[in-house]
Amino acid sequence: MDFTKLKKNFIRIFSNPNTLTFILAIVSIIILYRVYAYMVNNAIQPTTLYYAATDLYEGDQVTNDKISPVEISGSFLNSQNGTLLRGRGQIVNKYVANGFRIPQNSFFYKSALTDLDSADETPFTNLPDNWTIYRLPVDFSSTYGCSIMTGDYIDIYATFDYNGKLFNDIFIKSIQVYMVVDSSGYDVFTHTKDGDKLKPETLYFAVPIEEYRLLEIANRGNKYKIKFYPVPRETSYSENPEQPSIANQQLVDLILSQALDEQ
């Protein structure tokens, strides 16, 4: 075989623009076909996912009897951008993370499950030194239609009857809400089932011991009938919040005088 002649013919063929264009077109078609076939196969190929067989609430352990498998198309899985948990081993024996609820028939997302150590943590786990939790009675109306949520910042206002005149003024400013619960102690934003009305009853927040003492003294007295209620701050405030602080020294004096009068 004359390799020199074969080499010349090969060079002549591939130096022809028309021939080269034709070959590149064929190669491109083959590549596009393979990519298309892969995408179609991936989209229609059934994939096993697991969904919640019952409602799951924060702190609940996910056991085998609480999940069920289902076959779905791969296109749905791809549309979730890797946020879905696929394998049984990624789900079973995990715990629902704080602030999450997994409704029945819902899939499991990475952000909603955690390990035992993280599940044991609560908003009250790492309070600053000399701070404590205060429980403020609330209802649907005083939480502005249940729009005051965990993490929001509020001011505490006080209404009181001073010598027959009704006063309303700010008392403590810049307080972060830790939790809002119903009469059973469940977080109204994670434990309420679809269709149920939110029924907030207690709002939890943390304050320094001195502020806590003043709130308790005011609640124990009845001379001025002092009542406290939350007022939400604007959303942008949470980006650069201040420390909680007394905003009305005159009201402090009133609370302390009430305590002295009723001794």
C-alpha atoms as a PDB file:
ATOM      1  CA  MET A   1       0.000   0.000   0.000  1.00  0.00           C
ATOM      2  CA  ASP A   2       1.280   3.419  -1.029  1.00  0.00           C
ATOM      3  CA  PHE A   3       0.968   5.364   2.255  1.00  0.00           C
ATOM      4  CA  THR A   4       2.374   8.513   0.720  1.00  0.00           C
ATOM      5  CA  LYS A   5      -0.368   8.573  -1.904  1.00  0.00           C
ATOM      6  CA  LEU A   6      -2.987   7.705   0.745  1.00  0.00           C
ATOM      7  CA  LYS A   7      -1.757  10.565   2.909  1.00  0.00           C
ATOM      8  CA  LYS A   8      -1.994  13.008   0.013  1.00  0.00           C
ATOM      9  CA  ASN A   9      -5.559  11.886  -0.779  1.00  0.00           C
ATOM     10  CA  PHE A  10      -6.521  12.243   2.871  1.00  0.00           C
ATOM     11  CA  ILE A  11      -5.101  15.761   3.037  1.00  0.00           C
ATOM     12  CA  ARG A  12      -6.778  16.723  -0.211  1.00  0.00           C
ATOM     13  CA  ILE A  13     -10.171  15.482   1.027  1.00  0.00           C
ATOM     14  CA  PHE A  14      -9.998  17.288   4.340  1.00  0.00           C
ATOM     15  CA  SER A  15      -8.610  20.446   2.839  1.00  0.00           C
ATOM     16  CA  ASN A  16     -11.770  20.731   0.784  1.00  0.00           C
ATOM     17  CA  PRO A  17     -14.066  23.188   2.651  1.00  0.00           C
ATOM     18  CA  ASN A  18     -17.219  21.484   1.425  1.00  0.00           C
ATOM     19  CA  THR A  19     -16.068  18.059   2.546  1.00  0.00           C
ATOM     20  CA  LEU A  20     -14.948  19.378   5.938  1.00  0.00           C
ATOM     21  CA  THR A  21     -18.250  21.162   6.469  1.00  0.00           C
ATOM     22  CA  PHE A  22     -20.171  17.998   5.625  1.00  0.00           C
ATOM     23  CA  ILE A  23     -18.123  15.886   8.052  1.00  0.00           C
ATOM     24  CA  LEU A  24     -18.506  18.460  10.856  1.00  0.00           C
ATOM     25  CA  ALA A  25     -22.260  18.566  10.244  1.00  0.00           C
ATOM     26  CA  ILE A  26     -22.504  14.771  10.545  1.00  0.00           C
ATOM     27  CA  VAL A  27     -20.438  14.773  13.750  1.00  0.00           C
ATOM     28  CA  SER A  28     -22.574  17.579  15.221  1.00  0.00           C
ATOM     29  CA  ILE A  29     -25.772  15.695  14.410  1.00  0.00           C
ATOM     30  CA  ILE A  30     -24.441  12.573  16.140  1.00  0.00           C
ATOM     31  CA  ILE A  31     -23.447  14.567  19.239  1.00  0.00           C
ATOM     32  CA  LEU A  32     -26.756  16.401  19.387  1.00  0.00           C
ATOM     33  CA  TYR A  33     -28.649  13.127  19.001  1.00  0.00           C
ATOM     34  CA  ARG A  34     -26.730  11.512  21.851  1.00  0.00           C
ATOM     35  CA  VAL A  35     -27.288  14.551  24.118  1.00  0.00           C
ATOM     36  CA  TYR A  36     -30.971  14.653  23.243  1.00  0.00           C
ATOM     37  CA  ALA A  37     -31.368  10.924  23.832  1.00  0.00           C
ATOM     38  CA  TYR A  38     -29.672  11.257  27.216  1.00  0.00           C
ATOM     39  CA  MET A  39     -31.891  14.166  28.264  1.00  0.00           C
ATOM     40  CA  VAL A  40     -35.083  12.419  27.142  1.00  0.00           C
ATOM     41  CA  ASN A  41     -34.090   9.187  28.862  1.00  0.00           C
ATOM     42  CA  ASN A  42     -33.178  11.061  32.026  1.00  0.00           C
ATOM     43  CA  ALA A  43     -36.493  12.930  31.977  1.00  0.00           C
ATOM     44  CA  ILE A  44     -38.698   9.857  31.516  1.00  0.00           C
ATOM     45  CA  GLN A  45     -36.652   7.419  33.572  1.00  0.00           C
ATOM     46  CA  PRO A  46     -38.643   6.669  36.758  1.00  0.00           C
ATOM     47  CA  THR A  47     -36.923   7.665  39.993  1.00  0.00           C
ATOM     48  CA  THR A  48     -37.853   6.508  43.485  1.00  0.00           C
ATOM     49  CA  LEU A  49     -38.457   9.264  46.015  1.00  0.00           C
ATOM     50  CA  TYR A  50     -39.868   9.136  49.535  1.00  0.00           C
ATOM     51  CA  TYR A  51     -42.663  11.266  50.941  1.00  0.00           C
ATOM     52  CA  ALA A  52     -44.078  11.787  54.429  1.00  0.00           C
ATOM     53  CA  ALA A  53     -46.809   9.278  55.268  1.00  0.00           C
ATOM     54  CA  THR A  54     -48.031  11.539  58.090  1.00  0.00           C
ATOM     55  CA  ASP A  55     -47.609  15.106  59.323  1.00  0.00           C
ATOM     56  CA  LEU A  56     -44.168  15.616  60.864  1.00  0.00           C
ATOM     57  CA  TYR A  57     -43.323  18.466  63.234  1.00  0.00           C
ATOM     58  CA  GLU A  58     -40.069  19.999  64.430  1.00  0.00           C
ATOM     59  CA  GLY A  59     -38.129  17.578  66.622  1.00  0.00           C
ATOM     60  CA  ASP A  60     -39.954  14.493  65.281  1.00  0.00           C
ATOM     61  CA  GLN A  61     -37.772  11.538  64.311  1.00  0.00           C
ATOM     62  CA  VAL A  62     -38.379  10.196  60.811  1.00  0.00           C
ATOM     63  CA  THR A  63     -38.786   6.428  61.095  1.00  0.00           C
ATOM     64  CA  ASN A  64     -39.492   3.800  58.426  1.00  0.00           C
ATOM     65  CA  ASP A  65     -43.208   3.769  59.165  1.00  0.00           C
ATOM     66  CA  LYS A  66     -43.450   7.521  58.545  1.00  0.00           C
ATOM     67  CA  ILE A  67     -42.259   7.452  54.921  1.00  0.00           C
ATOM     68  CA  SER A  68     -43.565   5.898  51.718  1.00  0.00           C
ATOM     69  CA  PRO A  69     -41.927   5.439  48.277  1.00  0.00           C
ATOM     70  CA  VAL A  70     -43.235   6.755  44.981  1.00  0.00           C
ATOM     71  CA  GLU A  71     -41.968   6.603  41.395  1.00  0.00           C
ATOM     72  CA  ILE A  72     -41.701   9.961  39.635  1.00  0.00           C
ATOM     73  CA  SER A  73     -40.110  11.239  36.438  1.00  0.00           C
ATOM     74  CA  GLY A  74     -36.505  12.377  36.473  1.00  0.00           C
ATOM     75  CA  SER A  75     -37.550  15.773  35.083  1.00  0.00           C
ATOM     76  CA  PHE A  76     -39.245  16.628  38.381  1.00  0.00           C
ATOM     77  CA  LEU A  77     -36.129  15.716  40.317  1.00  0.00           C
ATOM     78  CA  ASN A  78     -33.977  17.877  38.043  1.00  0.00           C
ATOM     79  CA  SER A  79     -36.312  20.838  38.527  1.00  0.00           C
ATOM     80  CA  GLN A  80     -35.609  20.831  42.292  1.00  0.00           C
ATOM     81  CA  ASN A  81     -31.956  21.860  41.841  1.00  0.00           C
ATOM     82  CA  GLY A  82     -30.594  19.216  44.179  1.00  0.00           C
ATOM     83  CA  THR A  83     -32.679  20.284  47.202  1.00  0.00           C
ATOM     84  CA  LEU A  84     -34.612  16.997  47.469  1.00  0.00           C
ATOM     85  CA  LEU A  85     -33.404  14.031  49.500  1.00  0.00           C
ATOM     86  CA  ARG A  86     -33.577  10.854  47.412  1.00  0.00           C
ATOM     87  CA  GLY A  87     -32.251   7.888  49.368  1.00  0.00           C
ATOM     88  CA  ARG A  88     -33.955   6.220  52.316  1.00  0.00           C
ATOM     89  CA  GLY A  89     -30.680   6.442  54.230  1.00  0.00           C
ATOM     90  CA  GLN A  90     -30.728  10.243  53.902  1.00  0.00           C
ATOM     91  CA  ILE A  91     -34.140  10.416  55.553  1.00  0.00           C
ATOM     92  CA  VAL A  92     -34.706   7.628  58.070  1.00  0.00           C
ATOM     93  CA  ASN A  93     -33.516   8.374  61.644  1.00  0.00           C
ATOM     94  CA  LYS A  94     -33.138  12.062  60.857  1.00  0.00           C
ATOM     95  CA  TYR A  95     -35.118  14.734  62.731  1.00  0.00           C
ATOM     96  CA  VAL A  96     -37.338  17.570  61.542  1.00  0.00           C
ATOM     97  CA  ALA A  97     -35.333  20.778  61.961  1.00  0.00           C
ATOM     98  CA  ASN A  98     -36.465  23.616  64.212  1.00  0.00           C
ATOM     99  CA  GLY A  99     -38.918  25.920  62.473  1.00  0.00           C
ATOM    100  CA  PHE A 100     -40.013  23.294  59.937  1.00  0.00           C
ATOM    101  CA  ARG A 101     -43.130  21.219  59.427  1.00  0.00           C
ATOM    102  CA  ILE A 102     -43.389  18.480  56.803  1.00  0.00           C
ATOM    103  CA  PRO A 103     -47.031  17.997  55.788  1.00  0.00           C
ATOM    104  CA  GLN A 104     -48.345  14.558  54.911  1.00  0.00           C
ATOM    105  CA  ASN A 105     -47.598  13.568  51.280  1.00  0.00           C
ATOM    106  CA  SER A 106     -44.749  16.106  51.015  1.00  0.00           C
ATOM    107  CA  PHE A 107     -41.247  15.203  49.872  1.00  0.00           C
ATOM    108  CA  PHE A 108     -38.203  15.609  52.096  1.00  0.00           C
ATOM    109  CA  TYR A 109     -35.907  18.564  51.473  1.00  0.00           C
ATOM    110  CA  LYS A 110     -32.359  18.912  52.779  1.00  0.00           C
ATOM    111  CA  SER A 111     -33.100  22.053  54.782  1.00  0.00           C
ATOM    112  CA  ALA A 112     -35.992  20.403  56.661  1.00  0.00           C
ATOM    113  CA  LEU A 113     -34.056  17.501  58.212  1.00  0.00           C
ATOM    114  CA  THR A 114     -31.170  17.498  60.639  1.00  0.00           C
ATOM    115  CA  ASP A 115     -29.320  15.233  63.077  1.00  0.00           C
ATOM    116  CA  LEU A 116     -30.191  14.676  66.736  1.00  0.00           C
ATOM    117  CA  ASP A 117     -27.799  17.272  68.173  1.00  0.00           C
ATOM    118  CA  SER A 118     -29.227  20.067  66.048  1.00  0.00           C
ATOM    119  CA  ALA A 119     -32.798  18.915  66.693  1.00  0.00           C
ATOM    120  CA  ASP A 120     -32.220  19.178  70.440  1.00  0.00           C
ATOM    121  CA  GLU A 121     -31.333  22.843  70.105  1.00  0.00           C
ATOM    122  CA  THR A 122     -34.089  25.371  70.745  1.00  0.00           C
ATOM    123  CA  PRO A 123     -34.252  29.166  70.501  1.00  0.00           C
ATOM    124  CA  PHE A 124     -33.715  29.142  74.275  1.00  0.00           C
ATOM    125  CA  THR A 125     -30.553  27.009  74.280  1.00  0.00           C
ATOM    126  CA  ASN A 126     -27.918  29.730  74.161  1.00  0.00           C
ATOM    127  CA  LEU A 127     -29.301  32.746  75.964  1.00  0.00           C
ATOM    128  CA  PRO A 128     -26.830  35.521  76.852  1.00  0.00           C
ATOM    129  CA  ASP A 129     -25.679  35.650  80.460  1.00  0.00           C
ATOM    130  CA  ASN A 130     -28.170  37.302  82.825  1.00  0.00           C
ATOM    131  CA  TRP A 131     -30.984  37.070  80.298  1.00  0.00           C
ATOM    132  CA  THR A 132     -34.169  35.062  80.636  1.00  0.00           C
ATOM    133  CA  ILE A 133     -37.293  34.178  78.684  1.00  0.00           C
ATOM    134  CA  TYR A 134     -40.487  36.167  79.105  1.00  0.00           C
ATOM    135  CA  ARG A 135     -43.889  34.820  78.077  1.00  0.00           C
ATOM    136  CA  LEU A 136     -46.238  37.537  76.849  1.00  0.00           C
ATOM    137  CA  PRO A 137     -49.944  36.629  76.531  1.00  0.00           C
ATOM    138  CA  VAL A 138     -51.204  37.449  73.014  1.00  0.00           C
ATOM    139  CA  ASP A 139     -54.040  36.602  70.673  1.00  0.00           C
ATOM    140  CA  PHE A 140     -54.787  36.772  66.958  1.00  0.00           C
ATOM    141  CA  SER A 141     -55.548  40.476  67.114  1.00  0.00           C
ATOM    142  CA  SER A 142     -52.573  41.583  69.222  1.00  0.00           C
ATOM    143  CA  THR A 143     -50.195  39.757  66.875  1.00  0.00           C
ATOM    144  CA  TYR A 144     -51.624  41.736  63.952  1.00  0.00           C
ATOM    145  CA  GLY A 145     -53.457  38.825  62.415  1.00  0.00           C
ATOM    146  CA  CYS A 146     -50.679  36.422  63.402  1.00  0.00           C
ATOM    147  CA  SER A 147     -48.189  38.365  61.307  1.00  0.00           C
ATOM    148  CA  ILE A 148     -45.576  38.610  64.092  1.00  0.00           C
ATOM    149  CA  MET A 149     -43.295  35.660  63.469  1.00  0.00           C
ATOM    150  CA  THR A 150     -40.218  33.995  64.923  1.00  0.00           C
ATOM    151  CA  GLY A 151     -37.166  36.202  64.365  1.00  0.00           C
ATOM    152  CA  ASP A 152     -39.141  39.424  63.953  1.00  0.00           C
ATOM    153  CA  TYR A 153     -38.239  42.462  66.037  1.00  0.00           C
ATOM    154  CA  ILE A 154     -40.892  44.164  68.139  1.00  0.00           C
ATOM    155  CA  ASP A 155     -41.296  46.915  70.701  1.00  0.00           C
ATOM    156  CA  ILE A 156     -43.294  46.288  73.869  1.00  0.00           C
ATOM    157  CA  TYR A 157     -45.954  48.917  74.502  1.00  0.00           C
ATOM    158  CA  ALA A 158     -47.929  49.402  77.700  1.00  0.00           C
ATOM    159  CA  THR A 159     -51.442  50.602  78.314  1.00  0.00           C
ATOM    160  CA  PHE A 160     -52.336  51.713  81.835  1.00  0.00           C
ATOM    161  CA  ASP A 161     -54.932  53.657  83.767  1.00  0.00           C
ATOM    162  CA  TYR A 162     -53.318  56.556  85.612  1.00  0.00           C
ATOM    163  CA  ASN A 163     -55.775  58.418  87.841  1.00  0.00           C
ATOM    164  CA  GLY A 164     -58.675  57.748  85.512  1.00  0.00           C
ATOM    165  CA  LYS A 165     -56.800  58.571  82.305  1.00  0.00           C
ATOM    166  CA  LEU A 166     -55.819  55.870  79.843  1.00  0.00           C
ATOM    167  CA  PHE A 167     -52.198  56.064  78.672  1.00  0.00           C
ATOM    168  CA  ASN A 168     -50.463  54.136  75.895  1.00  0.00           C
ATOM    169  CA  ASP A 169     -46.702  54.318  75.421  1.00  0.00           C
ATOM    170  CA  ILE A 170     -43.606  52.326  74.472  1.00  0.00           C
ATOM    171  CA  PHE A 171     -41.869  50.517  77.345  1.00  0.00           C
ATOM    172  CA  ILE A 172     -39.096  48.240  75.983  1.00  0.00           C
ATOM    173  CA  LYS A 173     -37.736  48.563  72.466  1.00  0.00           C
ATOM    174  CA  SER A 174     -35.879  46.247  70.105  1.00  0.00           C
ATOM    175  CA  ILE A 175     -36.938  42.766  71.211  1.00  0.00           C
ATOM    176  CA  GLN A 176     -36.542  39.718  69.004  1.00  0.00           C
ATOM    177  CA  VAL A 177     -39.369  37.184  68.945  1.00  0.00           C
ATOM    178  CA  TYR A 178     -38.226  33.666  69.779  1.00  0.00           C
ATOM    179  CA  MET A 179     -41.489  31.805  69.265  1.00  0.00           C
ATOM    180  CA  VAL A 180     -45.267  32.219  69.078  1.00  0.00           C
ATOM    181  CA  VAL A 181     -47.240  29.256  70.427  1.00  0.00           C
ATOM    182  CA  ASP A 182     -50.843  28.144  70.783  1.00  0.00           C
ATOM    183  CA  SER A 183     -52.641  26.956  73.920  1.00  0.00           C
ATOM    184  CA  SER A 184     -50.917  23.559  73.685  1.00  0.00           C
ATOM    185  CA  GLY A 185     -47.463  25.097  73.483  1.00  0.00           C
ATOM    186  CA  TYR A 186     -46.996  24.352  69.777  1.00  0.00           C
ATOM    187  CA  ASP A 187     -45.365  26.841  67.432  1.00  0.00           C
ATOM    188  CA  VAL A 188     -48.294  28.220  65.435  1.00  0.00           C
ATOM    189  CA  PHE A 189     -46.207  28.542  62.280  1.00  0.00           C
ATOM    190  CA  THR A 190     -44.883  24.984  62.211  1.00  0.00           C
ATOM    191  CA  HIS A 191     -47.562  22.885  63.926  1.00  0.00           C
ATOM    192  CA  THR A 192     -50.751  24.244  62.414  1.00  0.00           C
ATOM    193  CA  LYS A 193     -52.297  21.890  59.876  1.00  0.00           C
ATOM    194  CA  ASP A 194     -53.421  23.155  56.489  1.00  0.00           C
ATOM    195  CA  GLY A 195     -56.813  24.773  56.788  1.00  0.00           C
ATOM    196  CA  ASP A 196     -56.611  25.311  60.536  1.00  0.00           C
ATOM    197  CA  LYS A 197     -56.739  28.850  61.861  1.00  0.00           C
ATOM    198  CA  LEU A 198     -53.670  30.165  63.626  1.00  0.00           C
ATOM    199  CA  LYS A 199     -54.468  30.727  67.295  1.00  0.00           C
ATOM    200  CA  PRO A 200     -51.505  32.388  69.005  1.00  0.00           C
ATOM    201  CA  GLU A 201     -51.679  32.523  72.786  1.00  0.00           C
ATOM    202  CA  THR A 202     -48.127  33.190  74.040  1.00  0.00           C
ATOM    203  CA  LEU A 203     -45.225  35.115  72.532  1.00  0.00           C
ATOM    204  CA  TYR A 204     -41.736  34.208  73.777  1.00  0.00           C
ATOM    205  CA  PHE A 205     -38.835  36.650  73.845  1.00  0.00           C
ATOM    206  CA  ALA A 206     -35.641  37.118  75.851  1.00  0.00           C
ATOM    207  CA  VAL A 207     -34.739  40.169  77.931  1.00  0.00           C
ATOM    208  CA  PRO A 208     -32.116  41.045  80.539  1.00  0.00           C
ATOM    209  CA  ILE A 209     -33.071  40.032  84.095  1.00  0.00           C
ATOM    210  CA  GLU A 210     -33.799  43.637  85.131  1.00  0.00           C
ATOM    211  CA  GLU A 211     -36.351  44.132  82.324  1.00  0.00           C
ATOM    212  CA  TYR A 212     -37.886  40.758  83.155  1.00  0.00           C
ATOM    213  CA  ARG A 213     -38.264  41.794  86.797  1.00  0.00           C
ATOM    214  CA  LEU A 214     -40.070  45.009  85.801  1.00  0.00           C
ATOM    215  CA  LEU A 215     -42.476  43.118  83.542  1.00  0.00           C
ATOM    216  CA  GLU A 216     -43.276  40.666  86.321  1.00  0.00           C
ATOM    217  CA  ILE A 217     -43.782  43.426  88.903  1.00  0.00           C
ATOM    218  CA  ALA A 218     -46.159  45.239  86.534  1.00  0.00           C
ATOM    219  CA  ASN A 219     -48.181  42.075  85.916  1.00  0.00           C
ATOM    220  CA  ARG A 220     -48.518  41.284  89.627  1.00  0.00           C
ATOM    221  CA  GLY A 221     -49.918  44.712  90.460  1.00  0.00           C
ATOM    222  CA  ASN A 222     -53.438  45.913  89.772  1.00  0.00           C
ATOM    223  CA  LYS A 223     -53.376  49.566  90.834  1.00  0.00           C
ATOM    224  CA  TYR A 224     -52.710  50.893  87.316  1.00  0.00           C
ATOM    225  CA  LYS A 225     -53.951  47.826  85.404  1.00  0.00           C
ATOM    226  CA  ILE A 226     -50.818  47.790  83.206  1.00  0.00           C
ATOM    227  CA  LYS A 227     -51.106  45.620  80.095  1.00  0.00           C
ATOM    228  CA  PHE A 228     -48.340  44.919  77.608  1.00  0.00           C
ATOM    229  CA  TYR A 229     -48.638  44.193  73.895  1.00  0.00           C
ATOM    230  CA  PRO A 230     -46.215  43.805  70.955  1.00  0.00           C
ATOM    231  CA  VAL A 231     -45.770  46.277  68.109  1.00  0.00           C
ATOM    232  CA  PRO A 232     -43.734  45.031  65.109  1.00  0.00           C
ATOM    233  CA  ARG A 233     -40.722  46.896  63.769  1.00  0.00           C
ATOM    234  CA  GLU A 234     -40.159  47.419  60.038  1.00  0.00           C
ATOM    235  CA  THR A 235     -38.588  44.501  58.171  1.00  0.00           C
ATOM    236  CA  SER A 236     -35.347  46.366  57.434  1.00  0.00           C
ATOM    237  CA  TYR A 237     -34.764  46.896  61.167  1.00  0.00           C
ATOM    238  CA  SER A 238     -33.733  43.250  61.641  1.00  0.00           C
ATOM    239  CA  GLU A 239     -30.657  43.854  59.471  1.00  0.00           C
ATOM    240  CA  ASN A 240     -29.129  46.153  62.107  1.00  0.00           C
ATOM    241  CA  PRO A 241     -31.080  45.799  65.361  1.00  0.00           C
ATOM    242  CA  GLU A 242     -30.261  47.523  68.646  1.00  0.00           C
ATOM    243  CA  GLN A 243     -30.003  45.812  72.015  1.00  0.00           C
ATOM    244  CA  PRO A 244     -33.243  45.701  74.054  1.00  0.00           C
ATOM    245  CA  SER A 245     -33.544  48.743  76.288  1.00  0.00           C
ATOM    246  CA  ILE A 246     -36.015  50.578  78.487  1.00  0.00           C
ATOM    247  CA  ALA A 247     -37.616  53.379  76.474  1.00  0.00           C
ATOM    248  CA  ASN A 248     -39.701  55.001  79.200  1.00  0.00           C
ATOM    249  CA  GLN A 249     -38.145  55.678  82.595  1.00  0.00           C
ATOM    250  CA  GLN A 250     -41.344  57.319  83.854  1.00  0.00           C
ATOM    251  CA  LEU A 251     -43.178  54.040  83.335  1.00  0.00           C
ATOM    252  CA  VAL A 252     -40.432  52.241  85.252  1.00  0.00           C
ATOM    253  CA  ASP A 253     -40.979  54.625  88.146  1.00  0.00           C
ATOM    254  CA  LEU A 254     -44.731  54.022  87.932  1.00  0.00           C
ATOM    255  CA  ILE A 255     -44.258  50.248  88.058  1.00  0.00           C
ATOM    256  CA  LEU A 256     -41.928  50.471  91.052  1.00  0.00           C
ATOM    257  CA  SER A 257     -44.247  52.874  92.864  1.00  0.00           C
ATOM    258  CA  GLN A 258     -47.133  50.481  92.287  1.00  0.00           C
ATOM    259  CA  ALA A 259     -45.104  47.694  93.870  1.00  0.00           C
ATOM    260  CA  LEU A 260     -44.354  49.874  96.911  1.00  0.00           C
ATOM    261  CA  ASP A 261     -47.977  50.958  97.282  1.00  0.00           C
ATOM    262  CA  GLU A 262     -49.212  47.373  97.268  1.00  0.00           C
ATOM    263  CA  GLN A 263     -46.733  46.004  99.780  1.00  0.00           C
END
